[in-house]
């Protein structure tokens, strides 16, 4: 970090550009909105709903205070990917949640990304099958 912390940077390795946000809650909502467009399985979806759903900022502040960053990983298309949230002094800072910008690569474009209505809704649950 170059100067005093002014925001939070969030990214999904190999999937999105790093984007900086003015608030931790906005960074986490943006990550959740982007993750929800990826073809995650049920278990991964529920795990990330825990990290980015209700009270996520409070939980993440604990990780940041202890470790200085939050790193989570998941497997997508046979590759390990890292989700990263770090305090930053780099800008420009986004003033509100927005979906993270996807990388323009063949691997990312090949994903079956779907839009989420009402972005972001961290309390949304997937329908359970009968």
N, C-alpha and C. Protein backbone atom coordinates (compact mmCIF):
# COMPACT_ATOMS: atom_id res chain seq x y z
N UNK A 1 0.85 -1.17 0.00
CA UNK A 1 0.00 0.00 0.00
C UNK A 1 0.90 1.24 0.00
N UNK A 2 0.60 2.19 -0.90
CA UNK A 2 1.46 3.36 -1.08
C UNK A 2 1.27 4.43 -0.03
N UNK A 3 0.06 4.64 0.43
CA UNK A 3 -0.22 5.67 1.42
C UNK A 3 -1.22 5.15 2.41
N UNK A 4 -1.85 6.04 3.17
CA UNK A 4 -2.86 5.57 4.13
C UNK A 4 -4.04 4.96 3.39
N UNK A 5 -4.64 3.97 4.03
CA UNK A 5 -5.78 3.28 3.43
C UNK A 5 -6.93 4.23 3.19
N UNK A 6 -7.48 4.17 1.98
CA UNK A 6 -8.65 4.97 1.66
C UNK A 6 -9.80 4.11 1.16
N UNK A 7 -9.55 2.84 0.89
CA UNK A 7 -10.60 1.99 0.36
C UNK A 7 -10.20 0.53 0.38
N UNK A 8 -10.89 -0.26 -0.44
CA UNK A 8 -10.69 -1.71 -0.50
C UNK A 8 -10.66 -2.15 -1.95
N UNK A 9 -9.66 -2.94 -2.31
CA UNK A 9 -9.54 -3.48 -3.66
C UNK A 9 -10.06 -4.92 -3.66
N UNK A 10 -10.81 -5.26 -4.71
CA UNK A 10 -11.40 -6.59 -4.82
C UNK A 10 -11.13 -7.14 -6.22
N UNK A 11 -10.89 -8.45 -6.30
CA UNK A 11 -10.68 -9.08 -7.60
C UNK A 11 -10.91 -10.58 -7.51
N UNK A 12 -11.15 -11.18 -8.67
CA UNK A 12 -11.21 -12.62 -8.81
C UNK A 12 -10.15 -12.98 -9.84
N UNK A 13 -9.12 -13.65 -9.39
CA UNK A 13 -7.96 -13.98 -10.22
C UNK A 13 -8.36 -14.68 -11.51
N UNK A 14 -7.88 -14.15 -12.62
CA UNK A 14 -8.13 -14.76 -13.92
C UNK A 14 -9.52 -14.53 -14.46
N UNK A 15 -10.38 -13.81 -13.71
CA UNK A 15 -11.76 -13.58 -14.12
C UNK A 15 -12.07 -12.09 -14.25
N UNK A 16 -11.60 -11.28 -13.27
CA UNK A 16 -11.94 -9.85 -13.26
C UNK A 16 -10.71 -8.98 -13.12
N UNK A 17 -10.90 -7.72 -13.47
CA UNK A 17 -9.93 -6.69 -13.16
C UNK A 17 -10.03 -6.37 -11.67
N UNK A 18 -8.98 -5.85 -11.08
CA UNK A 18 -9.04 -5.36 -9.71
C UNK A 18 -9.77 -4.02 -9.72
N UNK A 19 -10.72 -3.88 -8.81
CA UNK A 19 -11.48 -2.64 -8.68
C UNK A 19 -11.42 -2.19 -7.24
N UNK A 20 -11.24 -0.89 -7.04
CA UNK A 20 -11.16 -0.32 -5.69
C UNK A 20 -12.47 0.37 -5.34
N UNK A 21 -12.90 0.19 -4.09
CA UNK A 21 -14.16 0.74 -3.60
C UNK A 21 -13.91 1.58 -2.36
N UNK A 22 -14.77 2.57 -2.15
CA UNK A 22 -14.65 3.43 -0.99
C UNK A 22 -14.99 2.70 0.30
N UNK A 23 -15.92 1.72 0.22
CA UNK A 23 -16.30 1.01 1.44
C UNK A 23 -16.14 -0.49 1.27
N UNK A 24 -15.89 -1.15 2.38
CA UNK A 24 -15.76 -2.61 2.37
C UNK A 24 -17.07 -3.26 1.97
N UNK A 25 -18.19 -2.75 2.46
CA UNK A 25 -19.50 -3.32 2.12
C UNK A 25 -19.73 -3.28 0.61
N UNK A 26 -19.34 -2.19 -0.05
CA UNK A 26 -19.51 -2.09 -1.50
C UNK A 26 -18.60 -3.06 -2.24
N UNK A 27 -17.38 -3.23 -1.76
CA UNK A 27 -16.45 -4.18 -2.39
C UNK A 27 -17.01 -5.60 -2.30
N UNK A 28 -17.53 -5.96 -1.13
CA UNK A 28 -18.06 -7.31 -0.94
C UNK A 28 -19.34 -7.53 -1.73
N UNK A 29 -20.21 -6.53 -1.79
CA UNK A 29 -21.43 -6.65 -2.59
C UNK A 29 -21.09 -6.81 -4.07
N UNK A 30 -20.06 -6.12 -4.52
CA UNK A 30 -19.64 -6.23 -5.91
C UNK A 30 -19.06 -7.60 -6.21
N UNK A 31 -18.26 -8.12 -5.30
CA UNK A 31 -17.74 -9.48 -5.47
C UNK A 31 -18.89 -10.49 -5.53
N UNK A 32 -19.84 -10.37 -4.63
CA UNK A 32 -20.97 -11.30 -4.60
C UNK A 32 -21.78 -11.20 -5.89
N UNK A 33 -22.03 -10.00 -6.35
CA UNK A 33 -22.77 -9.83 -7.59
C UNK A 33 -22.06 -10.46 -8.77
N UNK A 34 -20.75 -10.39 -8.80
CA UNK A 34 -19.97 -11.00 -9.88
C UNK A 34 -19.91 -12.51 -9.71
N UNK A 35 -19.65 -12.99 -8.50
CA UNK A 35 -19.59 -14.44 -8.27
C UNK A 35 -20.89 -15.12 -8.64
N UNK A 36 -22.00 -14.46 -8.40
CA UNK A 36 -23.30 -15.05 -8.70
C UNK A 36 -23.52 -15.26 -10.19
N UNK A 37 -22.72 -14.61 -11.05
CA UNK A 37 -22.84 -14.81 -12.49
C UNK A 37 -22.01 -16.00 -12.96
N UNK A 38 -21.14 -16.51 -12.11
CA UNK A 38 -20.27 -17.62 -12.50
C UNK A 38 -20.97 -18.95 -12.28
N UNK A 39 -20.61 -19.96 -13.05
CA UNK A 39 -21.24 -21.27 -12.89
C UNK A 39 -20.68 -22.04 -11.69
N UNK A 40 -21.00 -21.55 -10.50
CA UNK A 40 -20.56 -22.19 -9.27
C UNK A 40 -21.52 -23.32 -8.92
N UNK A 41 -21.02 -24.34 -8.30
CA UNK A 41 -21.89 -25.39 -7.78
C UNK A 41 -22.56 -24.93 -6.50
N UNK A 42 -23.52 -25.73 -6.03
CA UNK A 42 -24.29 -25.40 -4.84
C UNK A 42 -23.40 -25.14 -3.63
N UNK A 43 -22.44 -26.01 -3.38
CA UNK A 43 -21.57 -25.89 -2.20
C UNK A 43 -20.76 -24.61 -2.26
N UNK A 44 -20.16 -24.32 -3.41
CA UNK A 44 -19.38 -23.10 -3.55
C UNK A 44 -20.28 -21.87 -3.40
N UNK A 45 -21.46 -21.91 -4.00
CA UNK A 45 -22.39 -20.79 -3.90
C UNK A 45 -22.72 -20.50 -2.44
N UNK A 46 -23.08 -21.53 -1.69
CA UNK A 46 -23.45 -21.34 -0.28
C UNK A 46 -22.26 -20.86 0.55
N UNK A 47 -21.08 -21.37 0.27
CA UNK A 47 -19.89 -20.92 1.01
C UNK A 47 -19.63 -19.44 0.77
N UNK A 48 -19.74 -19.00 -0.47
CA UNK A 48 -19.49 -17.60 -0.77
C UNK A 48 -20.64 -16.70 -0.33
N UNK A 49 -21.84 -17.24 -0.26
CA UNK A 49 -22.95 -16.46 0.30
C UNK A 49 -22.65 -16.15 1.77
N UNK A 50 -22.03 -17.10 2.47
CA UNK A 50 -21.63 -16.85 3.86
C UNK A 50 -20.62 -15.70 3.92
N UNK A 51 -19.61 -15.74 3.06
CA UNK A 51 -18.56 -14.72 3.11
C UNK A 51 -19.03 -13.36 2.61
N UNK A 52 -19.96 -13.33 1.66
CA UNK A 52 -20.35 -12.06 1.05
C UNK A 52 -21.80 -11.69 1.29
N UNK A 53 -22.54 -12.49 2.08
CA UNK A 53 -23.95 -12.22 2.36
C UNK A 53 -24.12 -11.33 3.59
N UNK A 54 -25.20 -11.54 4.34
CA UNK A 54 -25.49 -10.70 5.51
C UNK A 54 -24.32 -10.66 6.50
N UNK A 55 -24.03 -9.48 7.00
CA UNK A 55 -22.95 -9.24 7.98
C UNK A 55 -21.56 -9.53 7.42
N UNK A 56 -21.41 -9.57 6.11
CA UNK A 56 -20.12 -9.88 5.49
C UNK A 56 -19.05 -8.86 5.87
N UNK A 57 -19.40 -7.58 5.88
CA UNK A 57 -18.39 -6.56 6.18
C UNK A 57 -17.82 -6.75 7.57
N UNK A 58 -18.69 -7.06 8.53
CA UNK A 58 -18.23 -7.27 9.90
C UNK A 58 -17.28 -8.47 9.99
N UNK A 59 -17.64 -9.58 9.33
CA UNK A 59 -16.77 -10.77 9.35
C UNK A 59 -15.44 -10.48 8.66
N UNK A 60 -15.52 -9.81 7.51
CA UNK A 60 -14.31 -9.54 6.73
C UNK A 60 -13.38 -8.57 7.45
N UNK A 61 -13.93 -7.60 8.17
CA UNK A 61 -13.08 -6.69 8.94
C UNK A 61 -12.20 -7.47 9.91
N UNK A 62 -12.74 -8.55 10.48
CA UNK A 62 -11.94 -9.39 11.37
C UNK A 62 -10.78 -10.05 10.65
N UNK A 63 -11.03 -10.58 9.44
CA UNK A 63 -9.96 -11.18 8.64
C UNK A 63 -8.91 -10.13 8.29
N UNK A 64 -9.35 -8.95 7.88
CA UNK A 64 -8.41 -7.90 7.48
C UNK A 64 -7.58 -7.43 8.66
N UNK A 65 -8.20 -7.31 9.82
CA UNK A 65 -7.45 -6.89 11.02
C UNK A 65 -6.39 -7.92 11.39
N UNK A 66 -6.74 -9.19 11.26
CA UNK A 66 -5.82 -10.25 11.64
C UNK A 66 -4.75 -10.51 10.59
N UNK A 67 -5.15 -10.62 9.30
CA UNK A 67 -4.23 -11.06 8.26
C UNK A 67 -3.81 -9.96 7.29
N UNK A 68 -4.51 -8.83 7.30
CA UNK A 68 -4.19 -7.76 6.37
C UNK A 68 -4.82 -7.93 5.00
N UNK A 69 -5.47 -9.06 4.76
CA UNK A 69 -6.13 -9.34 3.48
C UNK A 69 -7.11 -10.50 3.67
N UNK A 70 -7.99 -10.67 2.71
CA UNK A 70 -8.87 -11.82 2.67
C UNK A 70 -8.61 -12.53 1.35
N UNK A 71 -8.18 -13.77 1.42
CA UNK A 71 -7.95 -14.60 0.24
C UNK A 71 -8.81 -15.84 0.35
N UNK A 72 -9.64 -16.07 -0.65
CA UNK A 72 -10.47 -17.26 -0.72
C UNK A 72 -10.22 -17.90 -2.08
N UNK A 73 -10.33 -19.21 -2.15
CA UNK A 73 -10.10 -19.85 -3.45
C UNK A 73 -11.27 -20.75 -3.82
N UNK A 74 -11.39 -21.00 -5.10
CA UNK A 74 -12.39 -21.92 -5.62
C UNK A 74 -11.88 -22.48 -6.94
N UNK A 75 -12.47 -23.56 -7.38
CA UNK A 75 -12.10 -24.18 -8.64
C UNK A 75 -13.18 -23.85 -9.67
N UNK A 76 -12.75 -23.37 -10.82
CA UNK A 76 -13.65 -23.08 -11.92
C UNK A 76 -12.98 -23.50 -13.20
N UNK A 77 -13.65 -24.34 -13.97
CA UNK A 77 -13.12 -24.86 -15.23
C UNK A 77 -11.75 -25.51 -15.05
N UNK A 78 -11.60 -26.23 -13.96
CA UNK A 78 -10.37 -26.97 -13.72
C UNK A 78 -9.19 -26.15 -13.24
N UNK A 79 -9.40 -24.88 -12.95
CA UNK A 79 -8.32 -24.01 -12.47
C UNK A 79 -8.67 -23.43 -11.10
N UNK A 80 -7.69 -23.38 -10.22
CA UNK A 80 -7.87 -22.70 -8.94
C UNK A 80 -7.89 -21.19 -9.19
N UNK A 81 -8.84 -20.53 -8.57
CA UNK A 81 -8.97 -19.07 -8.68
C UNK A 81 -8.94 -18.49 -7.27
N UNK A 82 -8.38 -17.31 -7.13
CA UNK A 82 -8.37 -16.64 -5.83
C UNK A 82 -9.23 -15.39 -5.86
N UNK A 83 -10.02 -15.25 -4.81
CA UNK A 83 -10.77 -14.03 -4.58
C UNK A 83 -9.94 -13.25 -3.57
N UNK A 84 -9.70 -11.99 -3.87
CA UNK A 84 -8.83 -11.18 -3.02
C UNK A 84 -9.53 -9.88 -2.64
N UNK A 85 -9.47 -9.57 -1.35
CA UNK A 85 -9.93 -8.28 -0.83
C UNK A 85 -8.80 -7.74 0.04
N UNK A 86 -8.34 -6.54 -0.29
CA UNK A 86 -7.24 -5.93 0.47
C UNK A 86 -7.52 -4.45 0.68
N UNK A 87 -7.08 -3.92 1.82
CA UNK A 87 -7.14 -2.47 1.99
C UNK A 87 -6.22 -1.83 0.95
N UNK A 88 -6.59 -0.66 0.45
CA UNK A 88 -5.78 -0.02 -0.58
C UNK A 88 -5.79 1.49 -0.43
N UNK A 89 -4.77 2.11 -0.98
CA UNK A 89 -4.74 3.57 -1.10
C UNK A 89 -4.79 3.95 -2.56
N UNK A 90 -4.85 2.94 -3.45
CA UNK A 90 -4.92 3.19 -4.89
C UNK A 90 -6.35 3.54 -5.29
N UNK A 91 -6.49 4.34 -6.28
CA UNK A 91 -7.81 4.72 -6.76
C UNK A 91 -7.87 4.55 -8.25
N UNK A 92 -8.88 5.03 -8.90
CA UNK A 92 -10.01 5.72 -8.30
C UNK A 92 -10.91 4.75 -7.56
N UNK A 93 -11.60 5.27 -6.56
CA UNK A 93 -12.49 4.45 -5.75
C UNK A 93 -13.91 4.52 -6.28
N UNK A 94 -14.54 3.37 -6.44
CA UNK A 94 -15.94 3.32 -6.84
C UNK A 94 -16.78 3.72 -5.63
N UNK A 95 -17.73 4.63 -5.81
CA UNK A 95 -18.53 5.10 -4.66
C UNK A 95 -19.71 4.19 -4.32
N UNK A 96 -20.00 3.19 -5.16
CA UNK A 96 -21.14 2.30 -4.93
C UNK A 96 -20.83 0.93 -5.52
N UNK A 97 -21.59 -0.10 -5.11
CA UNK A 97 -21.35 -1.43 -5.67
C UNK A 97 -21.58 -1.45 -7.17
N UNK A 98 -20.75 -2.19 -7.87
CA UNK A 98 -20.94 -2.43 -9.29
C UNK A 98 -20.26 -3.75 -9.62
N UNK A 99 -20.80 -4.46 -10.56
CA UNK A 99 -20.20 -5.73 -10.93
C UNK A 99 -18.76 -5.49 -11.38
N UNK A 100 -17.85 -6.36 -10.96
CA UNK A 100 -16.46 -6.22 -11.35
C UNK A 100 -16.31 -6.43 -12.85
N UNK A 101 -15.38 -5.70 -13.45
CA UNK A 101 -15.18 -5.81 -14.90
C UNK A 101 -14.49 -7.13 -15.22
N UNK A 102 -15.10 -7.89 -16.13
CA UNK A 102 -14.54 -9.18 -16.52
C UNK A 102 -13.35 -8.98 -17.45
N UNK A 103 -12.38 -9.86 -17.34
CA UNK A 103 -11.24 -9.84 -18.25
C UNK A 103 -11.72 -10.26 -19.63
N UNK A 104 -11.13 -9.69 -20.64
CA UNK A 104 -11.49 -10.02 -22.02
C UNK A 104 -10.56 -11.13 -22.52
N UNK A 105 -10.79 -12.35 -22.01
CA UNK A 105 -9.99 -13.49 -22.42
C UNK A 105 -10.93 -14.58 -22.94
N UNK A 106 -10.42 -15.46 -23.79
CA UNK A 106 -11.27 -16.55 -24.29
C UNK A 106 -11.86 -17.41 -23.17
N UNK A 107 -11.07 -17.68 -22.12
CA UNK A 107 -11.56 -18.52 -21.02
C UNK A 107 -12.73 -17.86 -20.31
N UNK A 108 -12.65 -16.57 -20.07
CA UNK A 108 -13.74 -15.86 -19.39
C UNK A 108 -14.95 -15.76 -20.32
N UNK A 109 -14.73 -15.48 -21.58
CA UNK A 109 -15.83 -15.35 -22.52
C UNK A 109 -16.55 -16.69 -22.73
N UNK A 110 -15.85 -17.80 -22.51
CA UNK A 110 -16.45 -19.12 -22.69
C UNK A 110 -17.36 -19.52 -21.53
N UNK A 111 -17.26 -18.82 -20.40
CA UNK A 111 -18.12 -19.12 -19.27
C UNK A 111 -19.57 -18.82 -19.62
N UNK A 112 -20.45 -19.60 -19.10
CA UNK A 112 -21.89 -19.34 -19.29
C UNK A 112 -22.32 -18.37 -18.21
N UNK A 113 -22.03 -17.10 -18.38
CA UNK A 113 -22.37 -16.09 -17.39
C UNK A 113 -23.83 -15.73 -17.54
N UNK A 114 -24.48 -15.54 -16.41
CA UNK A 114 -25.89 -15.16 -16.43
C UNK A 114 -26.07 -13.87 -15.63
N UNK A 115 -27.04 -13.09 -16.06
CA UNK A 115 -27.35 -11.85 -15.34
C UNK A 115 -28.10 -12.18 -14.08
N UNK A 116 -27.92 -11.35 -13.07
CA UNK A 116 -28.68 -11.50 -11.84
C UNK A 116 -29.60 -10.31 -11.71
N UNK A 117 -30.86 -10.58 -11.55
CA UNK A 117 -31.84 -9.52 -11.38
C UNK A 117 -31.71 -8.97 -9.97
N UNK A 118 -31.79 -7.66 -9.83
CA UNK A 118 -31.75 -7.06 -8.51
C UNK A 118 -30.35 -7.05 -7.90
N UNK A 119 -29.31 -6.97 -8.70
CA UNK A 119 -27.93 -6.95 -8.21
C UNK A 119 -27.76 -5.84 -7.20
N UNK A 120 -27.02 -6.03 -6.14
CA UNK A 120 -26.70 -7.31 -5.53
C UNK A 120 -27.72 -7.65 -4.45
N UNK A 121 -28.03 -8.90 -4.28
CA UNK A 121 -28.94 -9.37 -3.25
C UNK A 121 -28.26 -10.49 -2.48
N UNK A 122 -27.44 -10.15 -1.47
CA UNK A 122 -26.66 -11.17 -0.77
C UNK A 122 -27.49 -12.15 0.04
N UNK A 123 -28.77 -11.87 0.26
CA UNK A 123 -29.58 -12.79 1.04
C UNK A 123 -30.36 -13.77 0.16
N UNK A 124 -30.23 -13.62 -1.16
CA UNK A 124 -30.96 -14.51 -2.06
C UNK A 124 -30.48 -15.95 -1.89
N UNK A 125 -31.43 -16.86 -1.90
CA UNK A 125 -31.11 -18.28 -1.82
C UNK A 125 -31.45 -18.93 -3.13
N UNK A 126 -30.69 -19.93 -3.50
CA UNK A 126 -31.03 -20.72 -4.67
C UNK A 126 -32.22 -21.58 -4.35
N UNK A 127 -33.11 -21.82 -5.30
CA UNK A 127 -34.24 -22.71 -5.02
C UNK A 127 -33.74 -24.13 -4.77
N UNK A 128 -34.34 -24.77 -3.81
CA UNK A 128 -33.97 -26.16 -3.51
C UNK A 128 -34.80 -27.09 -4.36
N UNK A 129 -34.17 -28.17 -4.81
CA UNK A 129 -34.92 -29.13 -5.61
C UNK A 129 -35.76 -30.00 -4.70
N UNK A 130 -36.83 -30.55 -5.26
CA UNK A 130 -37.76 -31.36 -4.47
C UNK A 130 -37.17 -32.70 -4.13
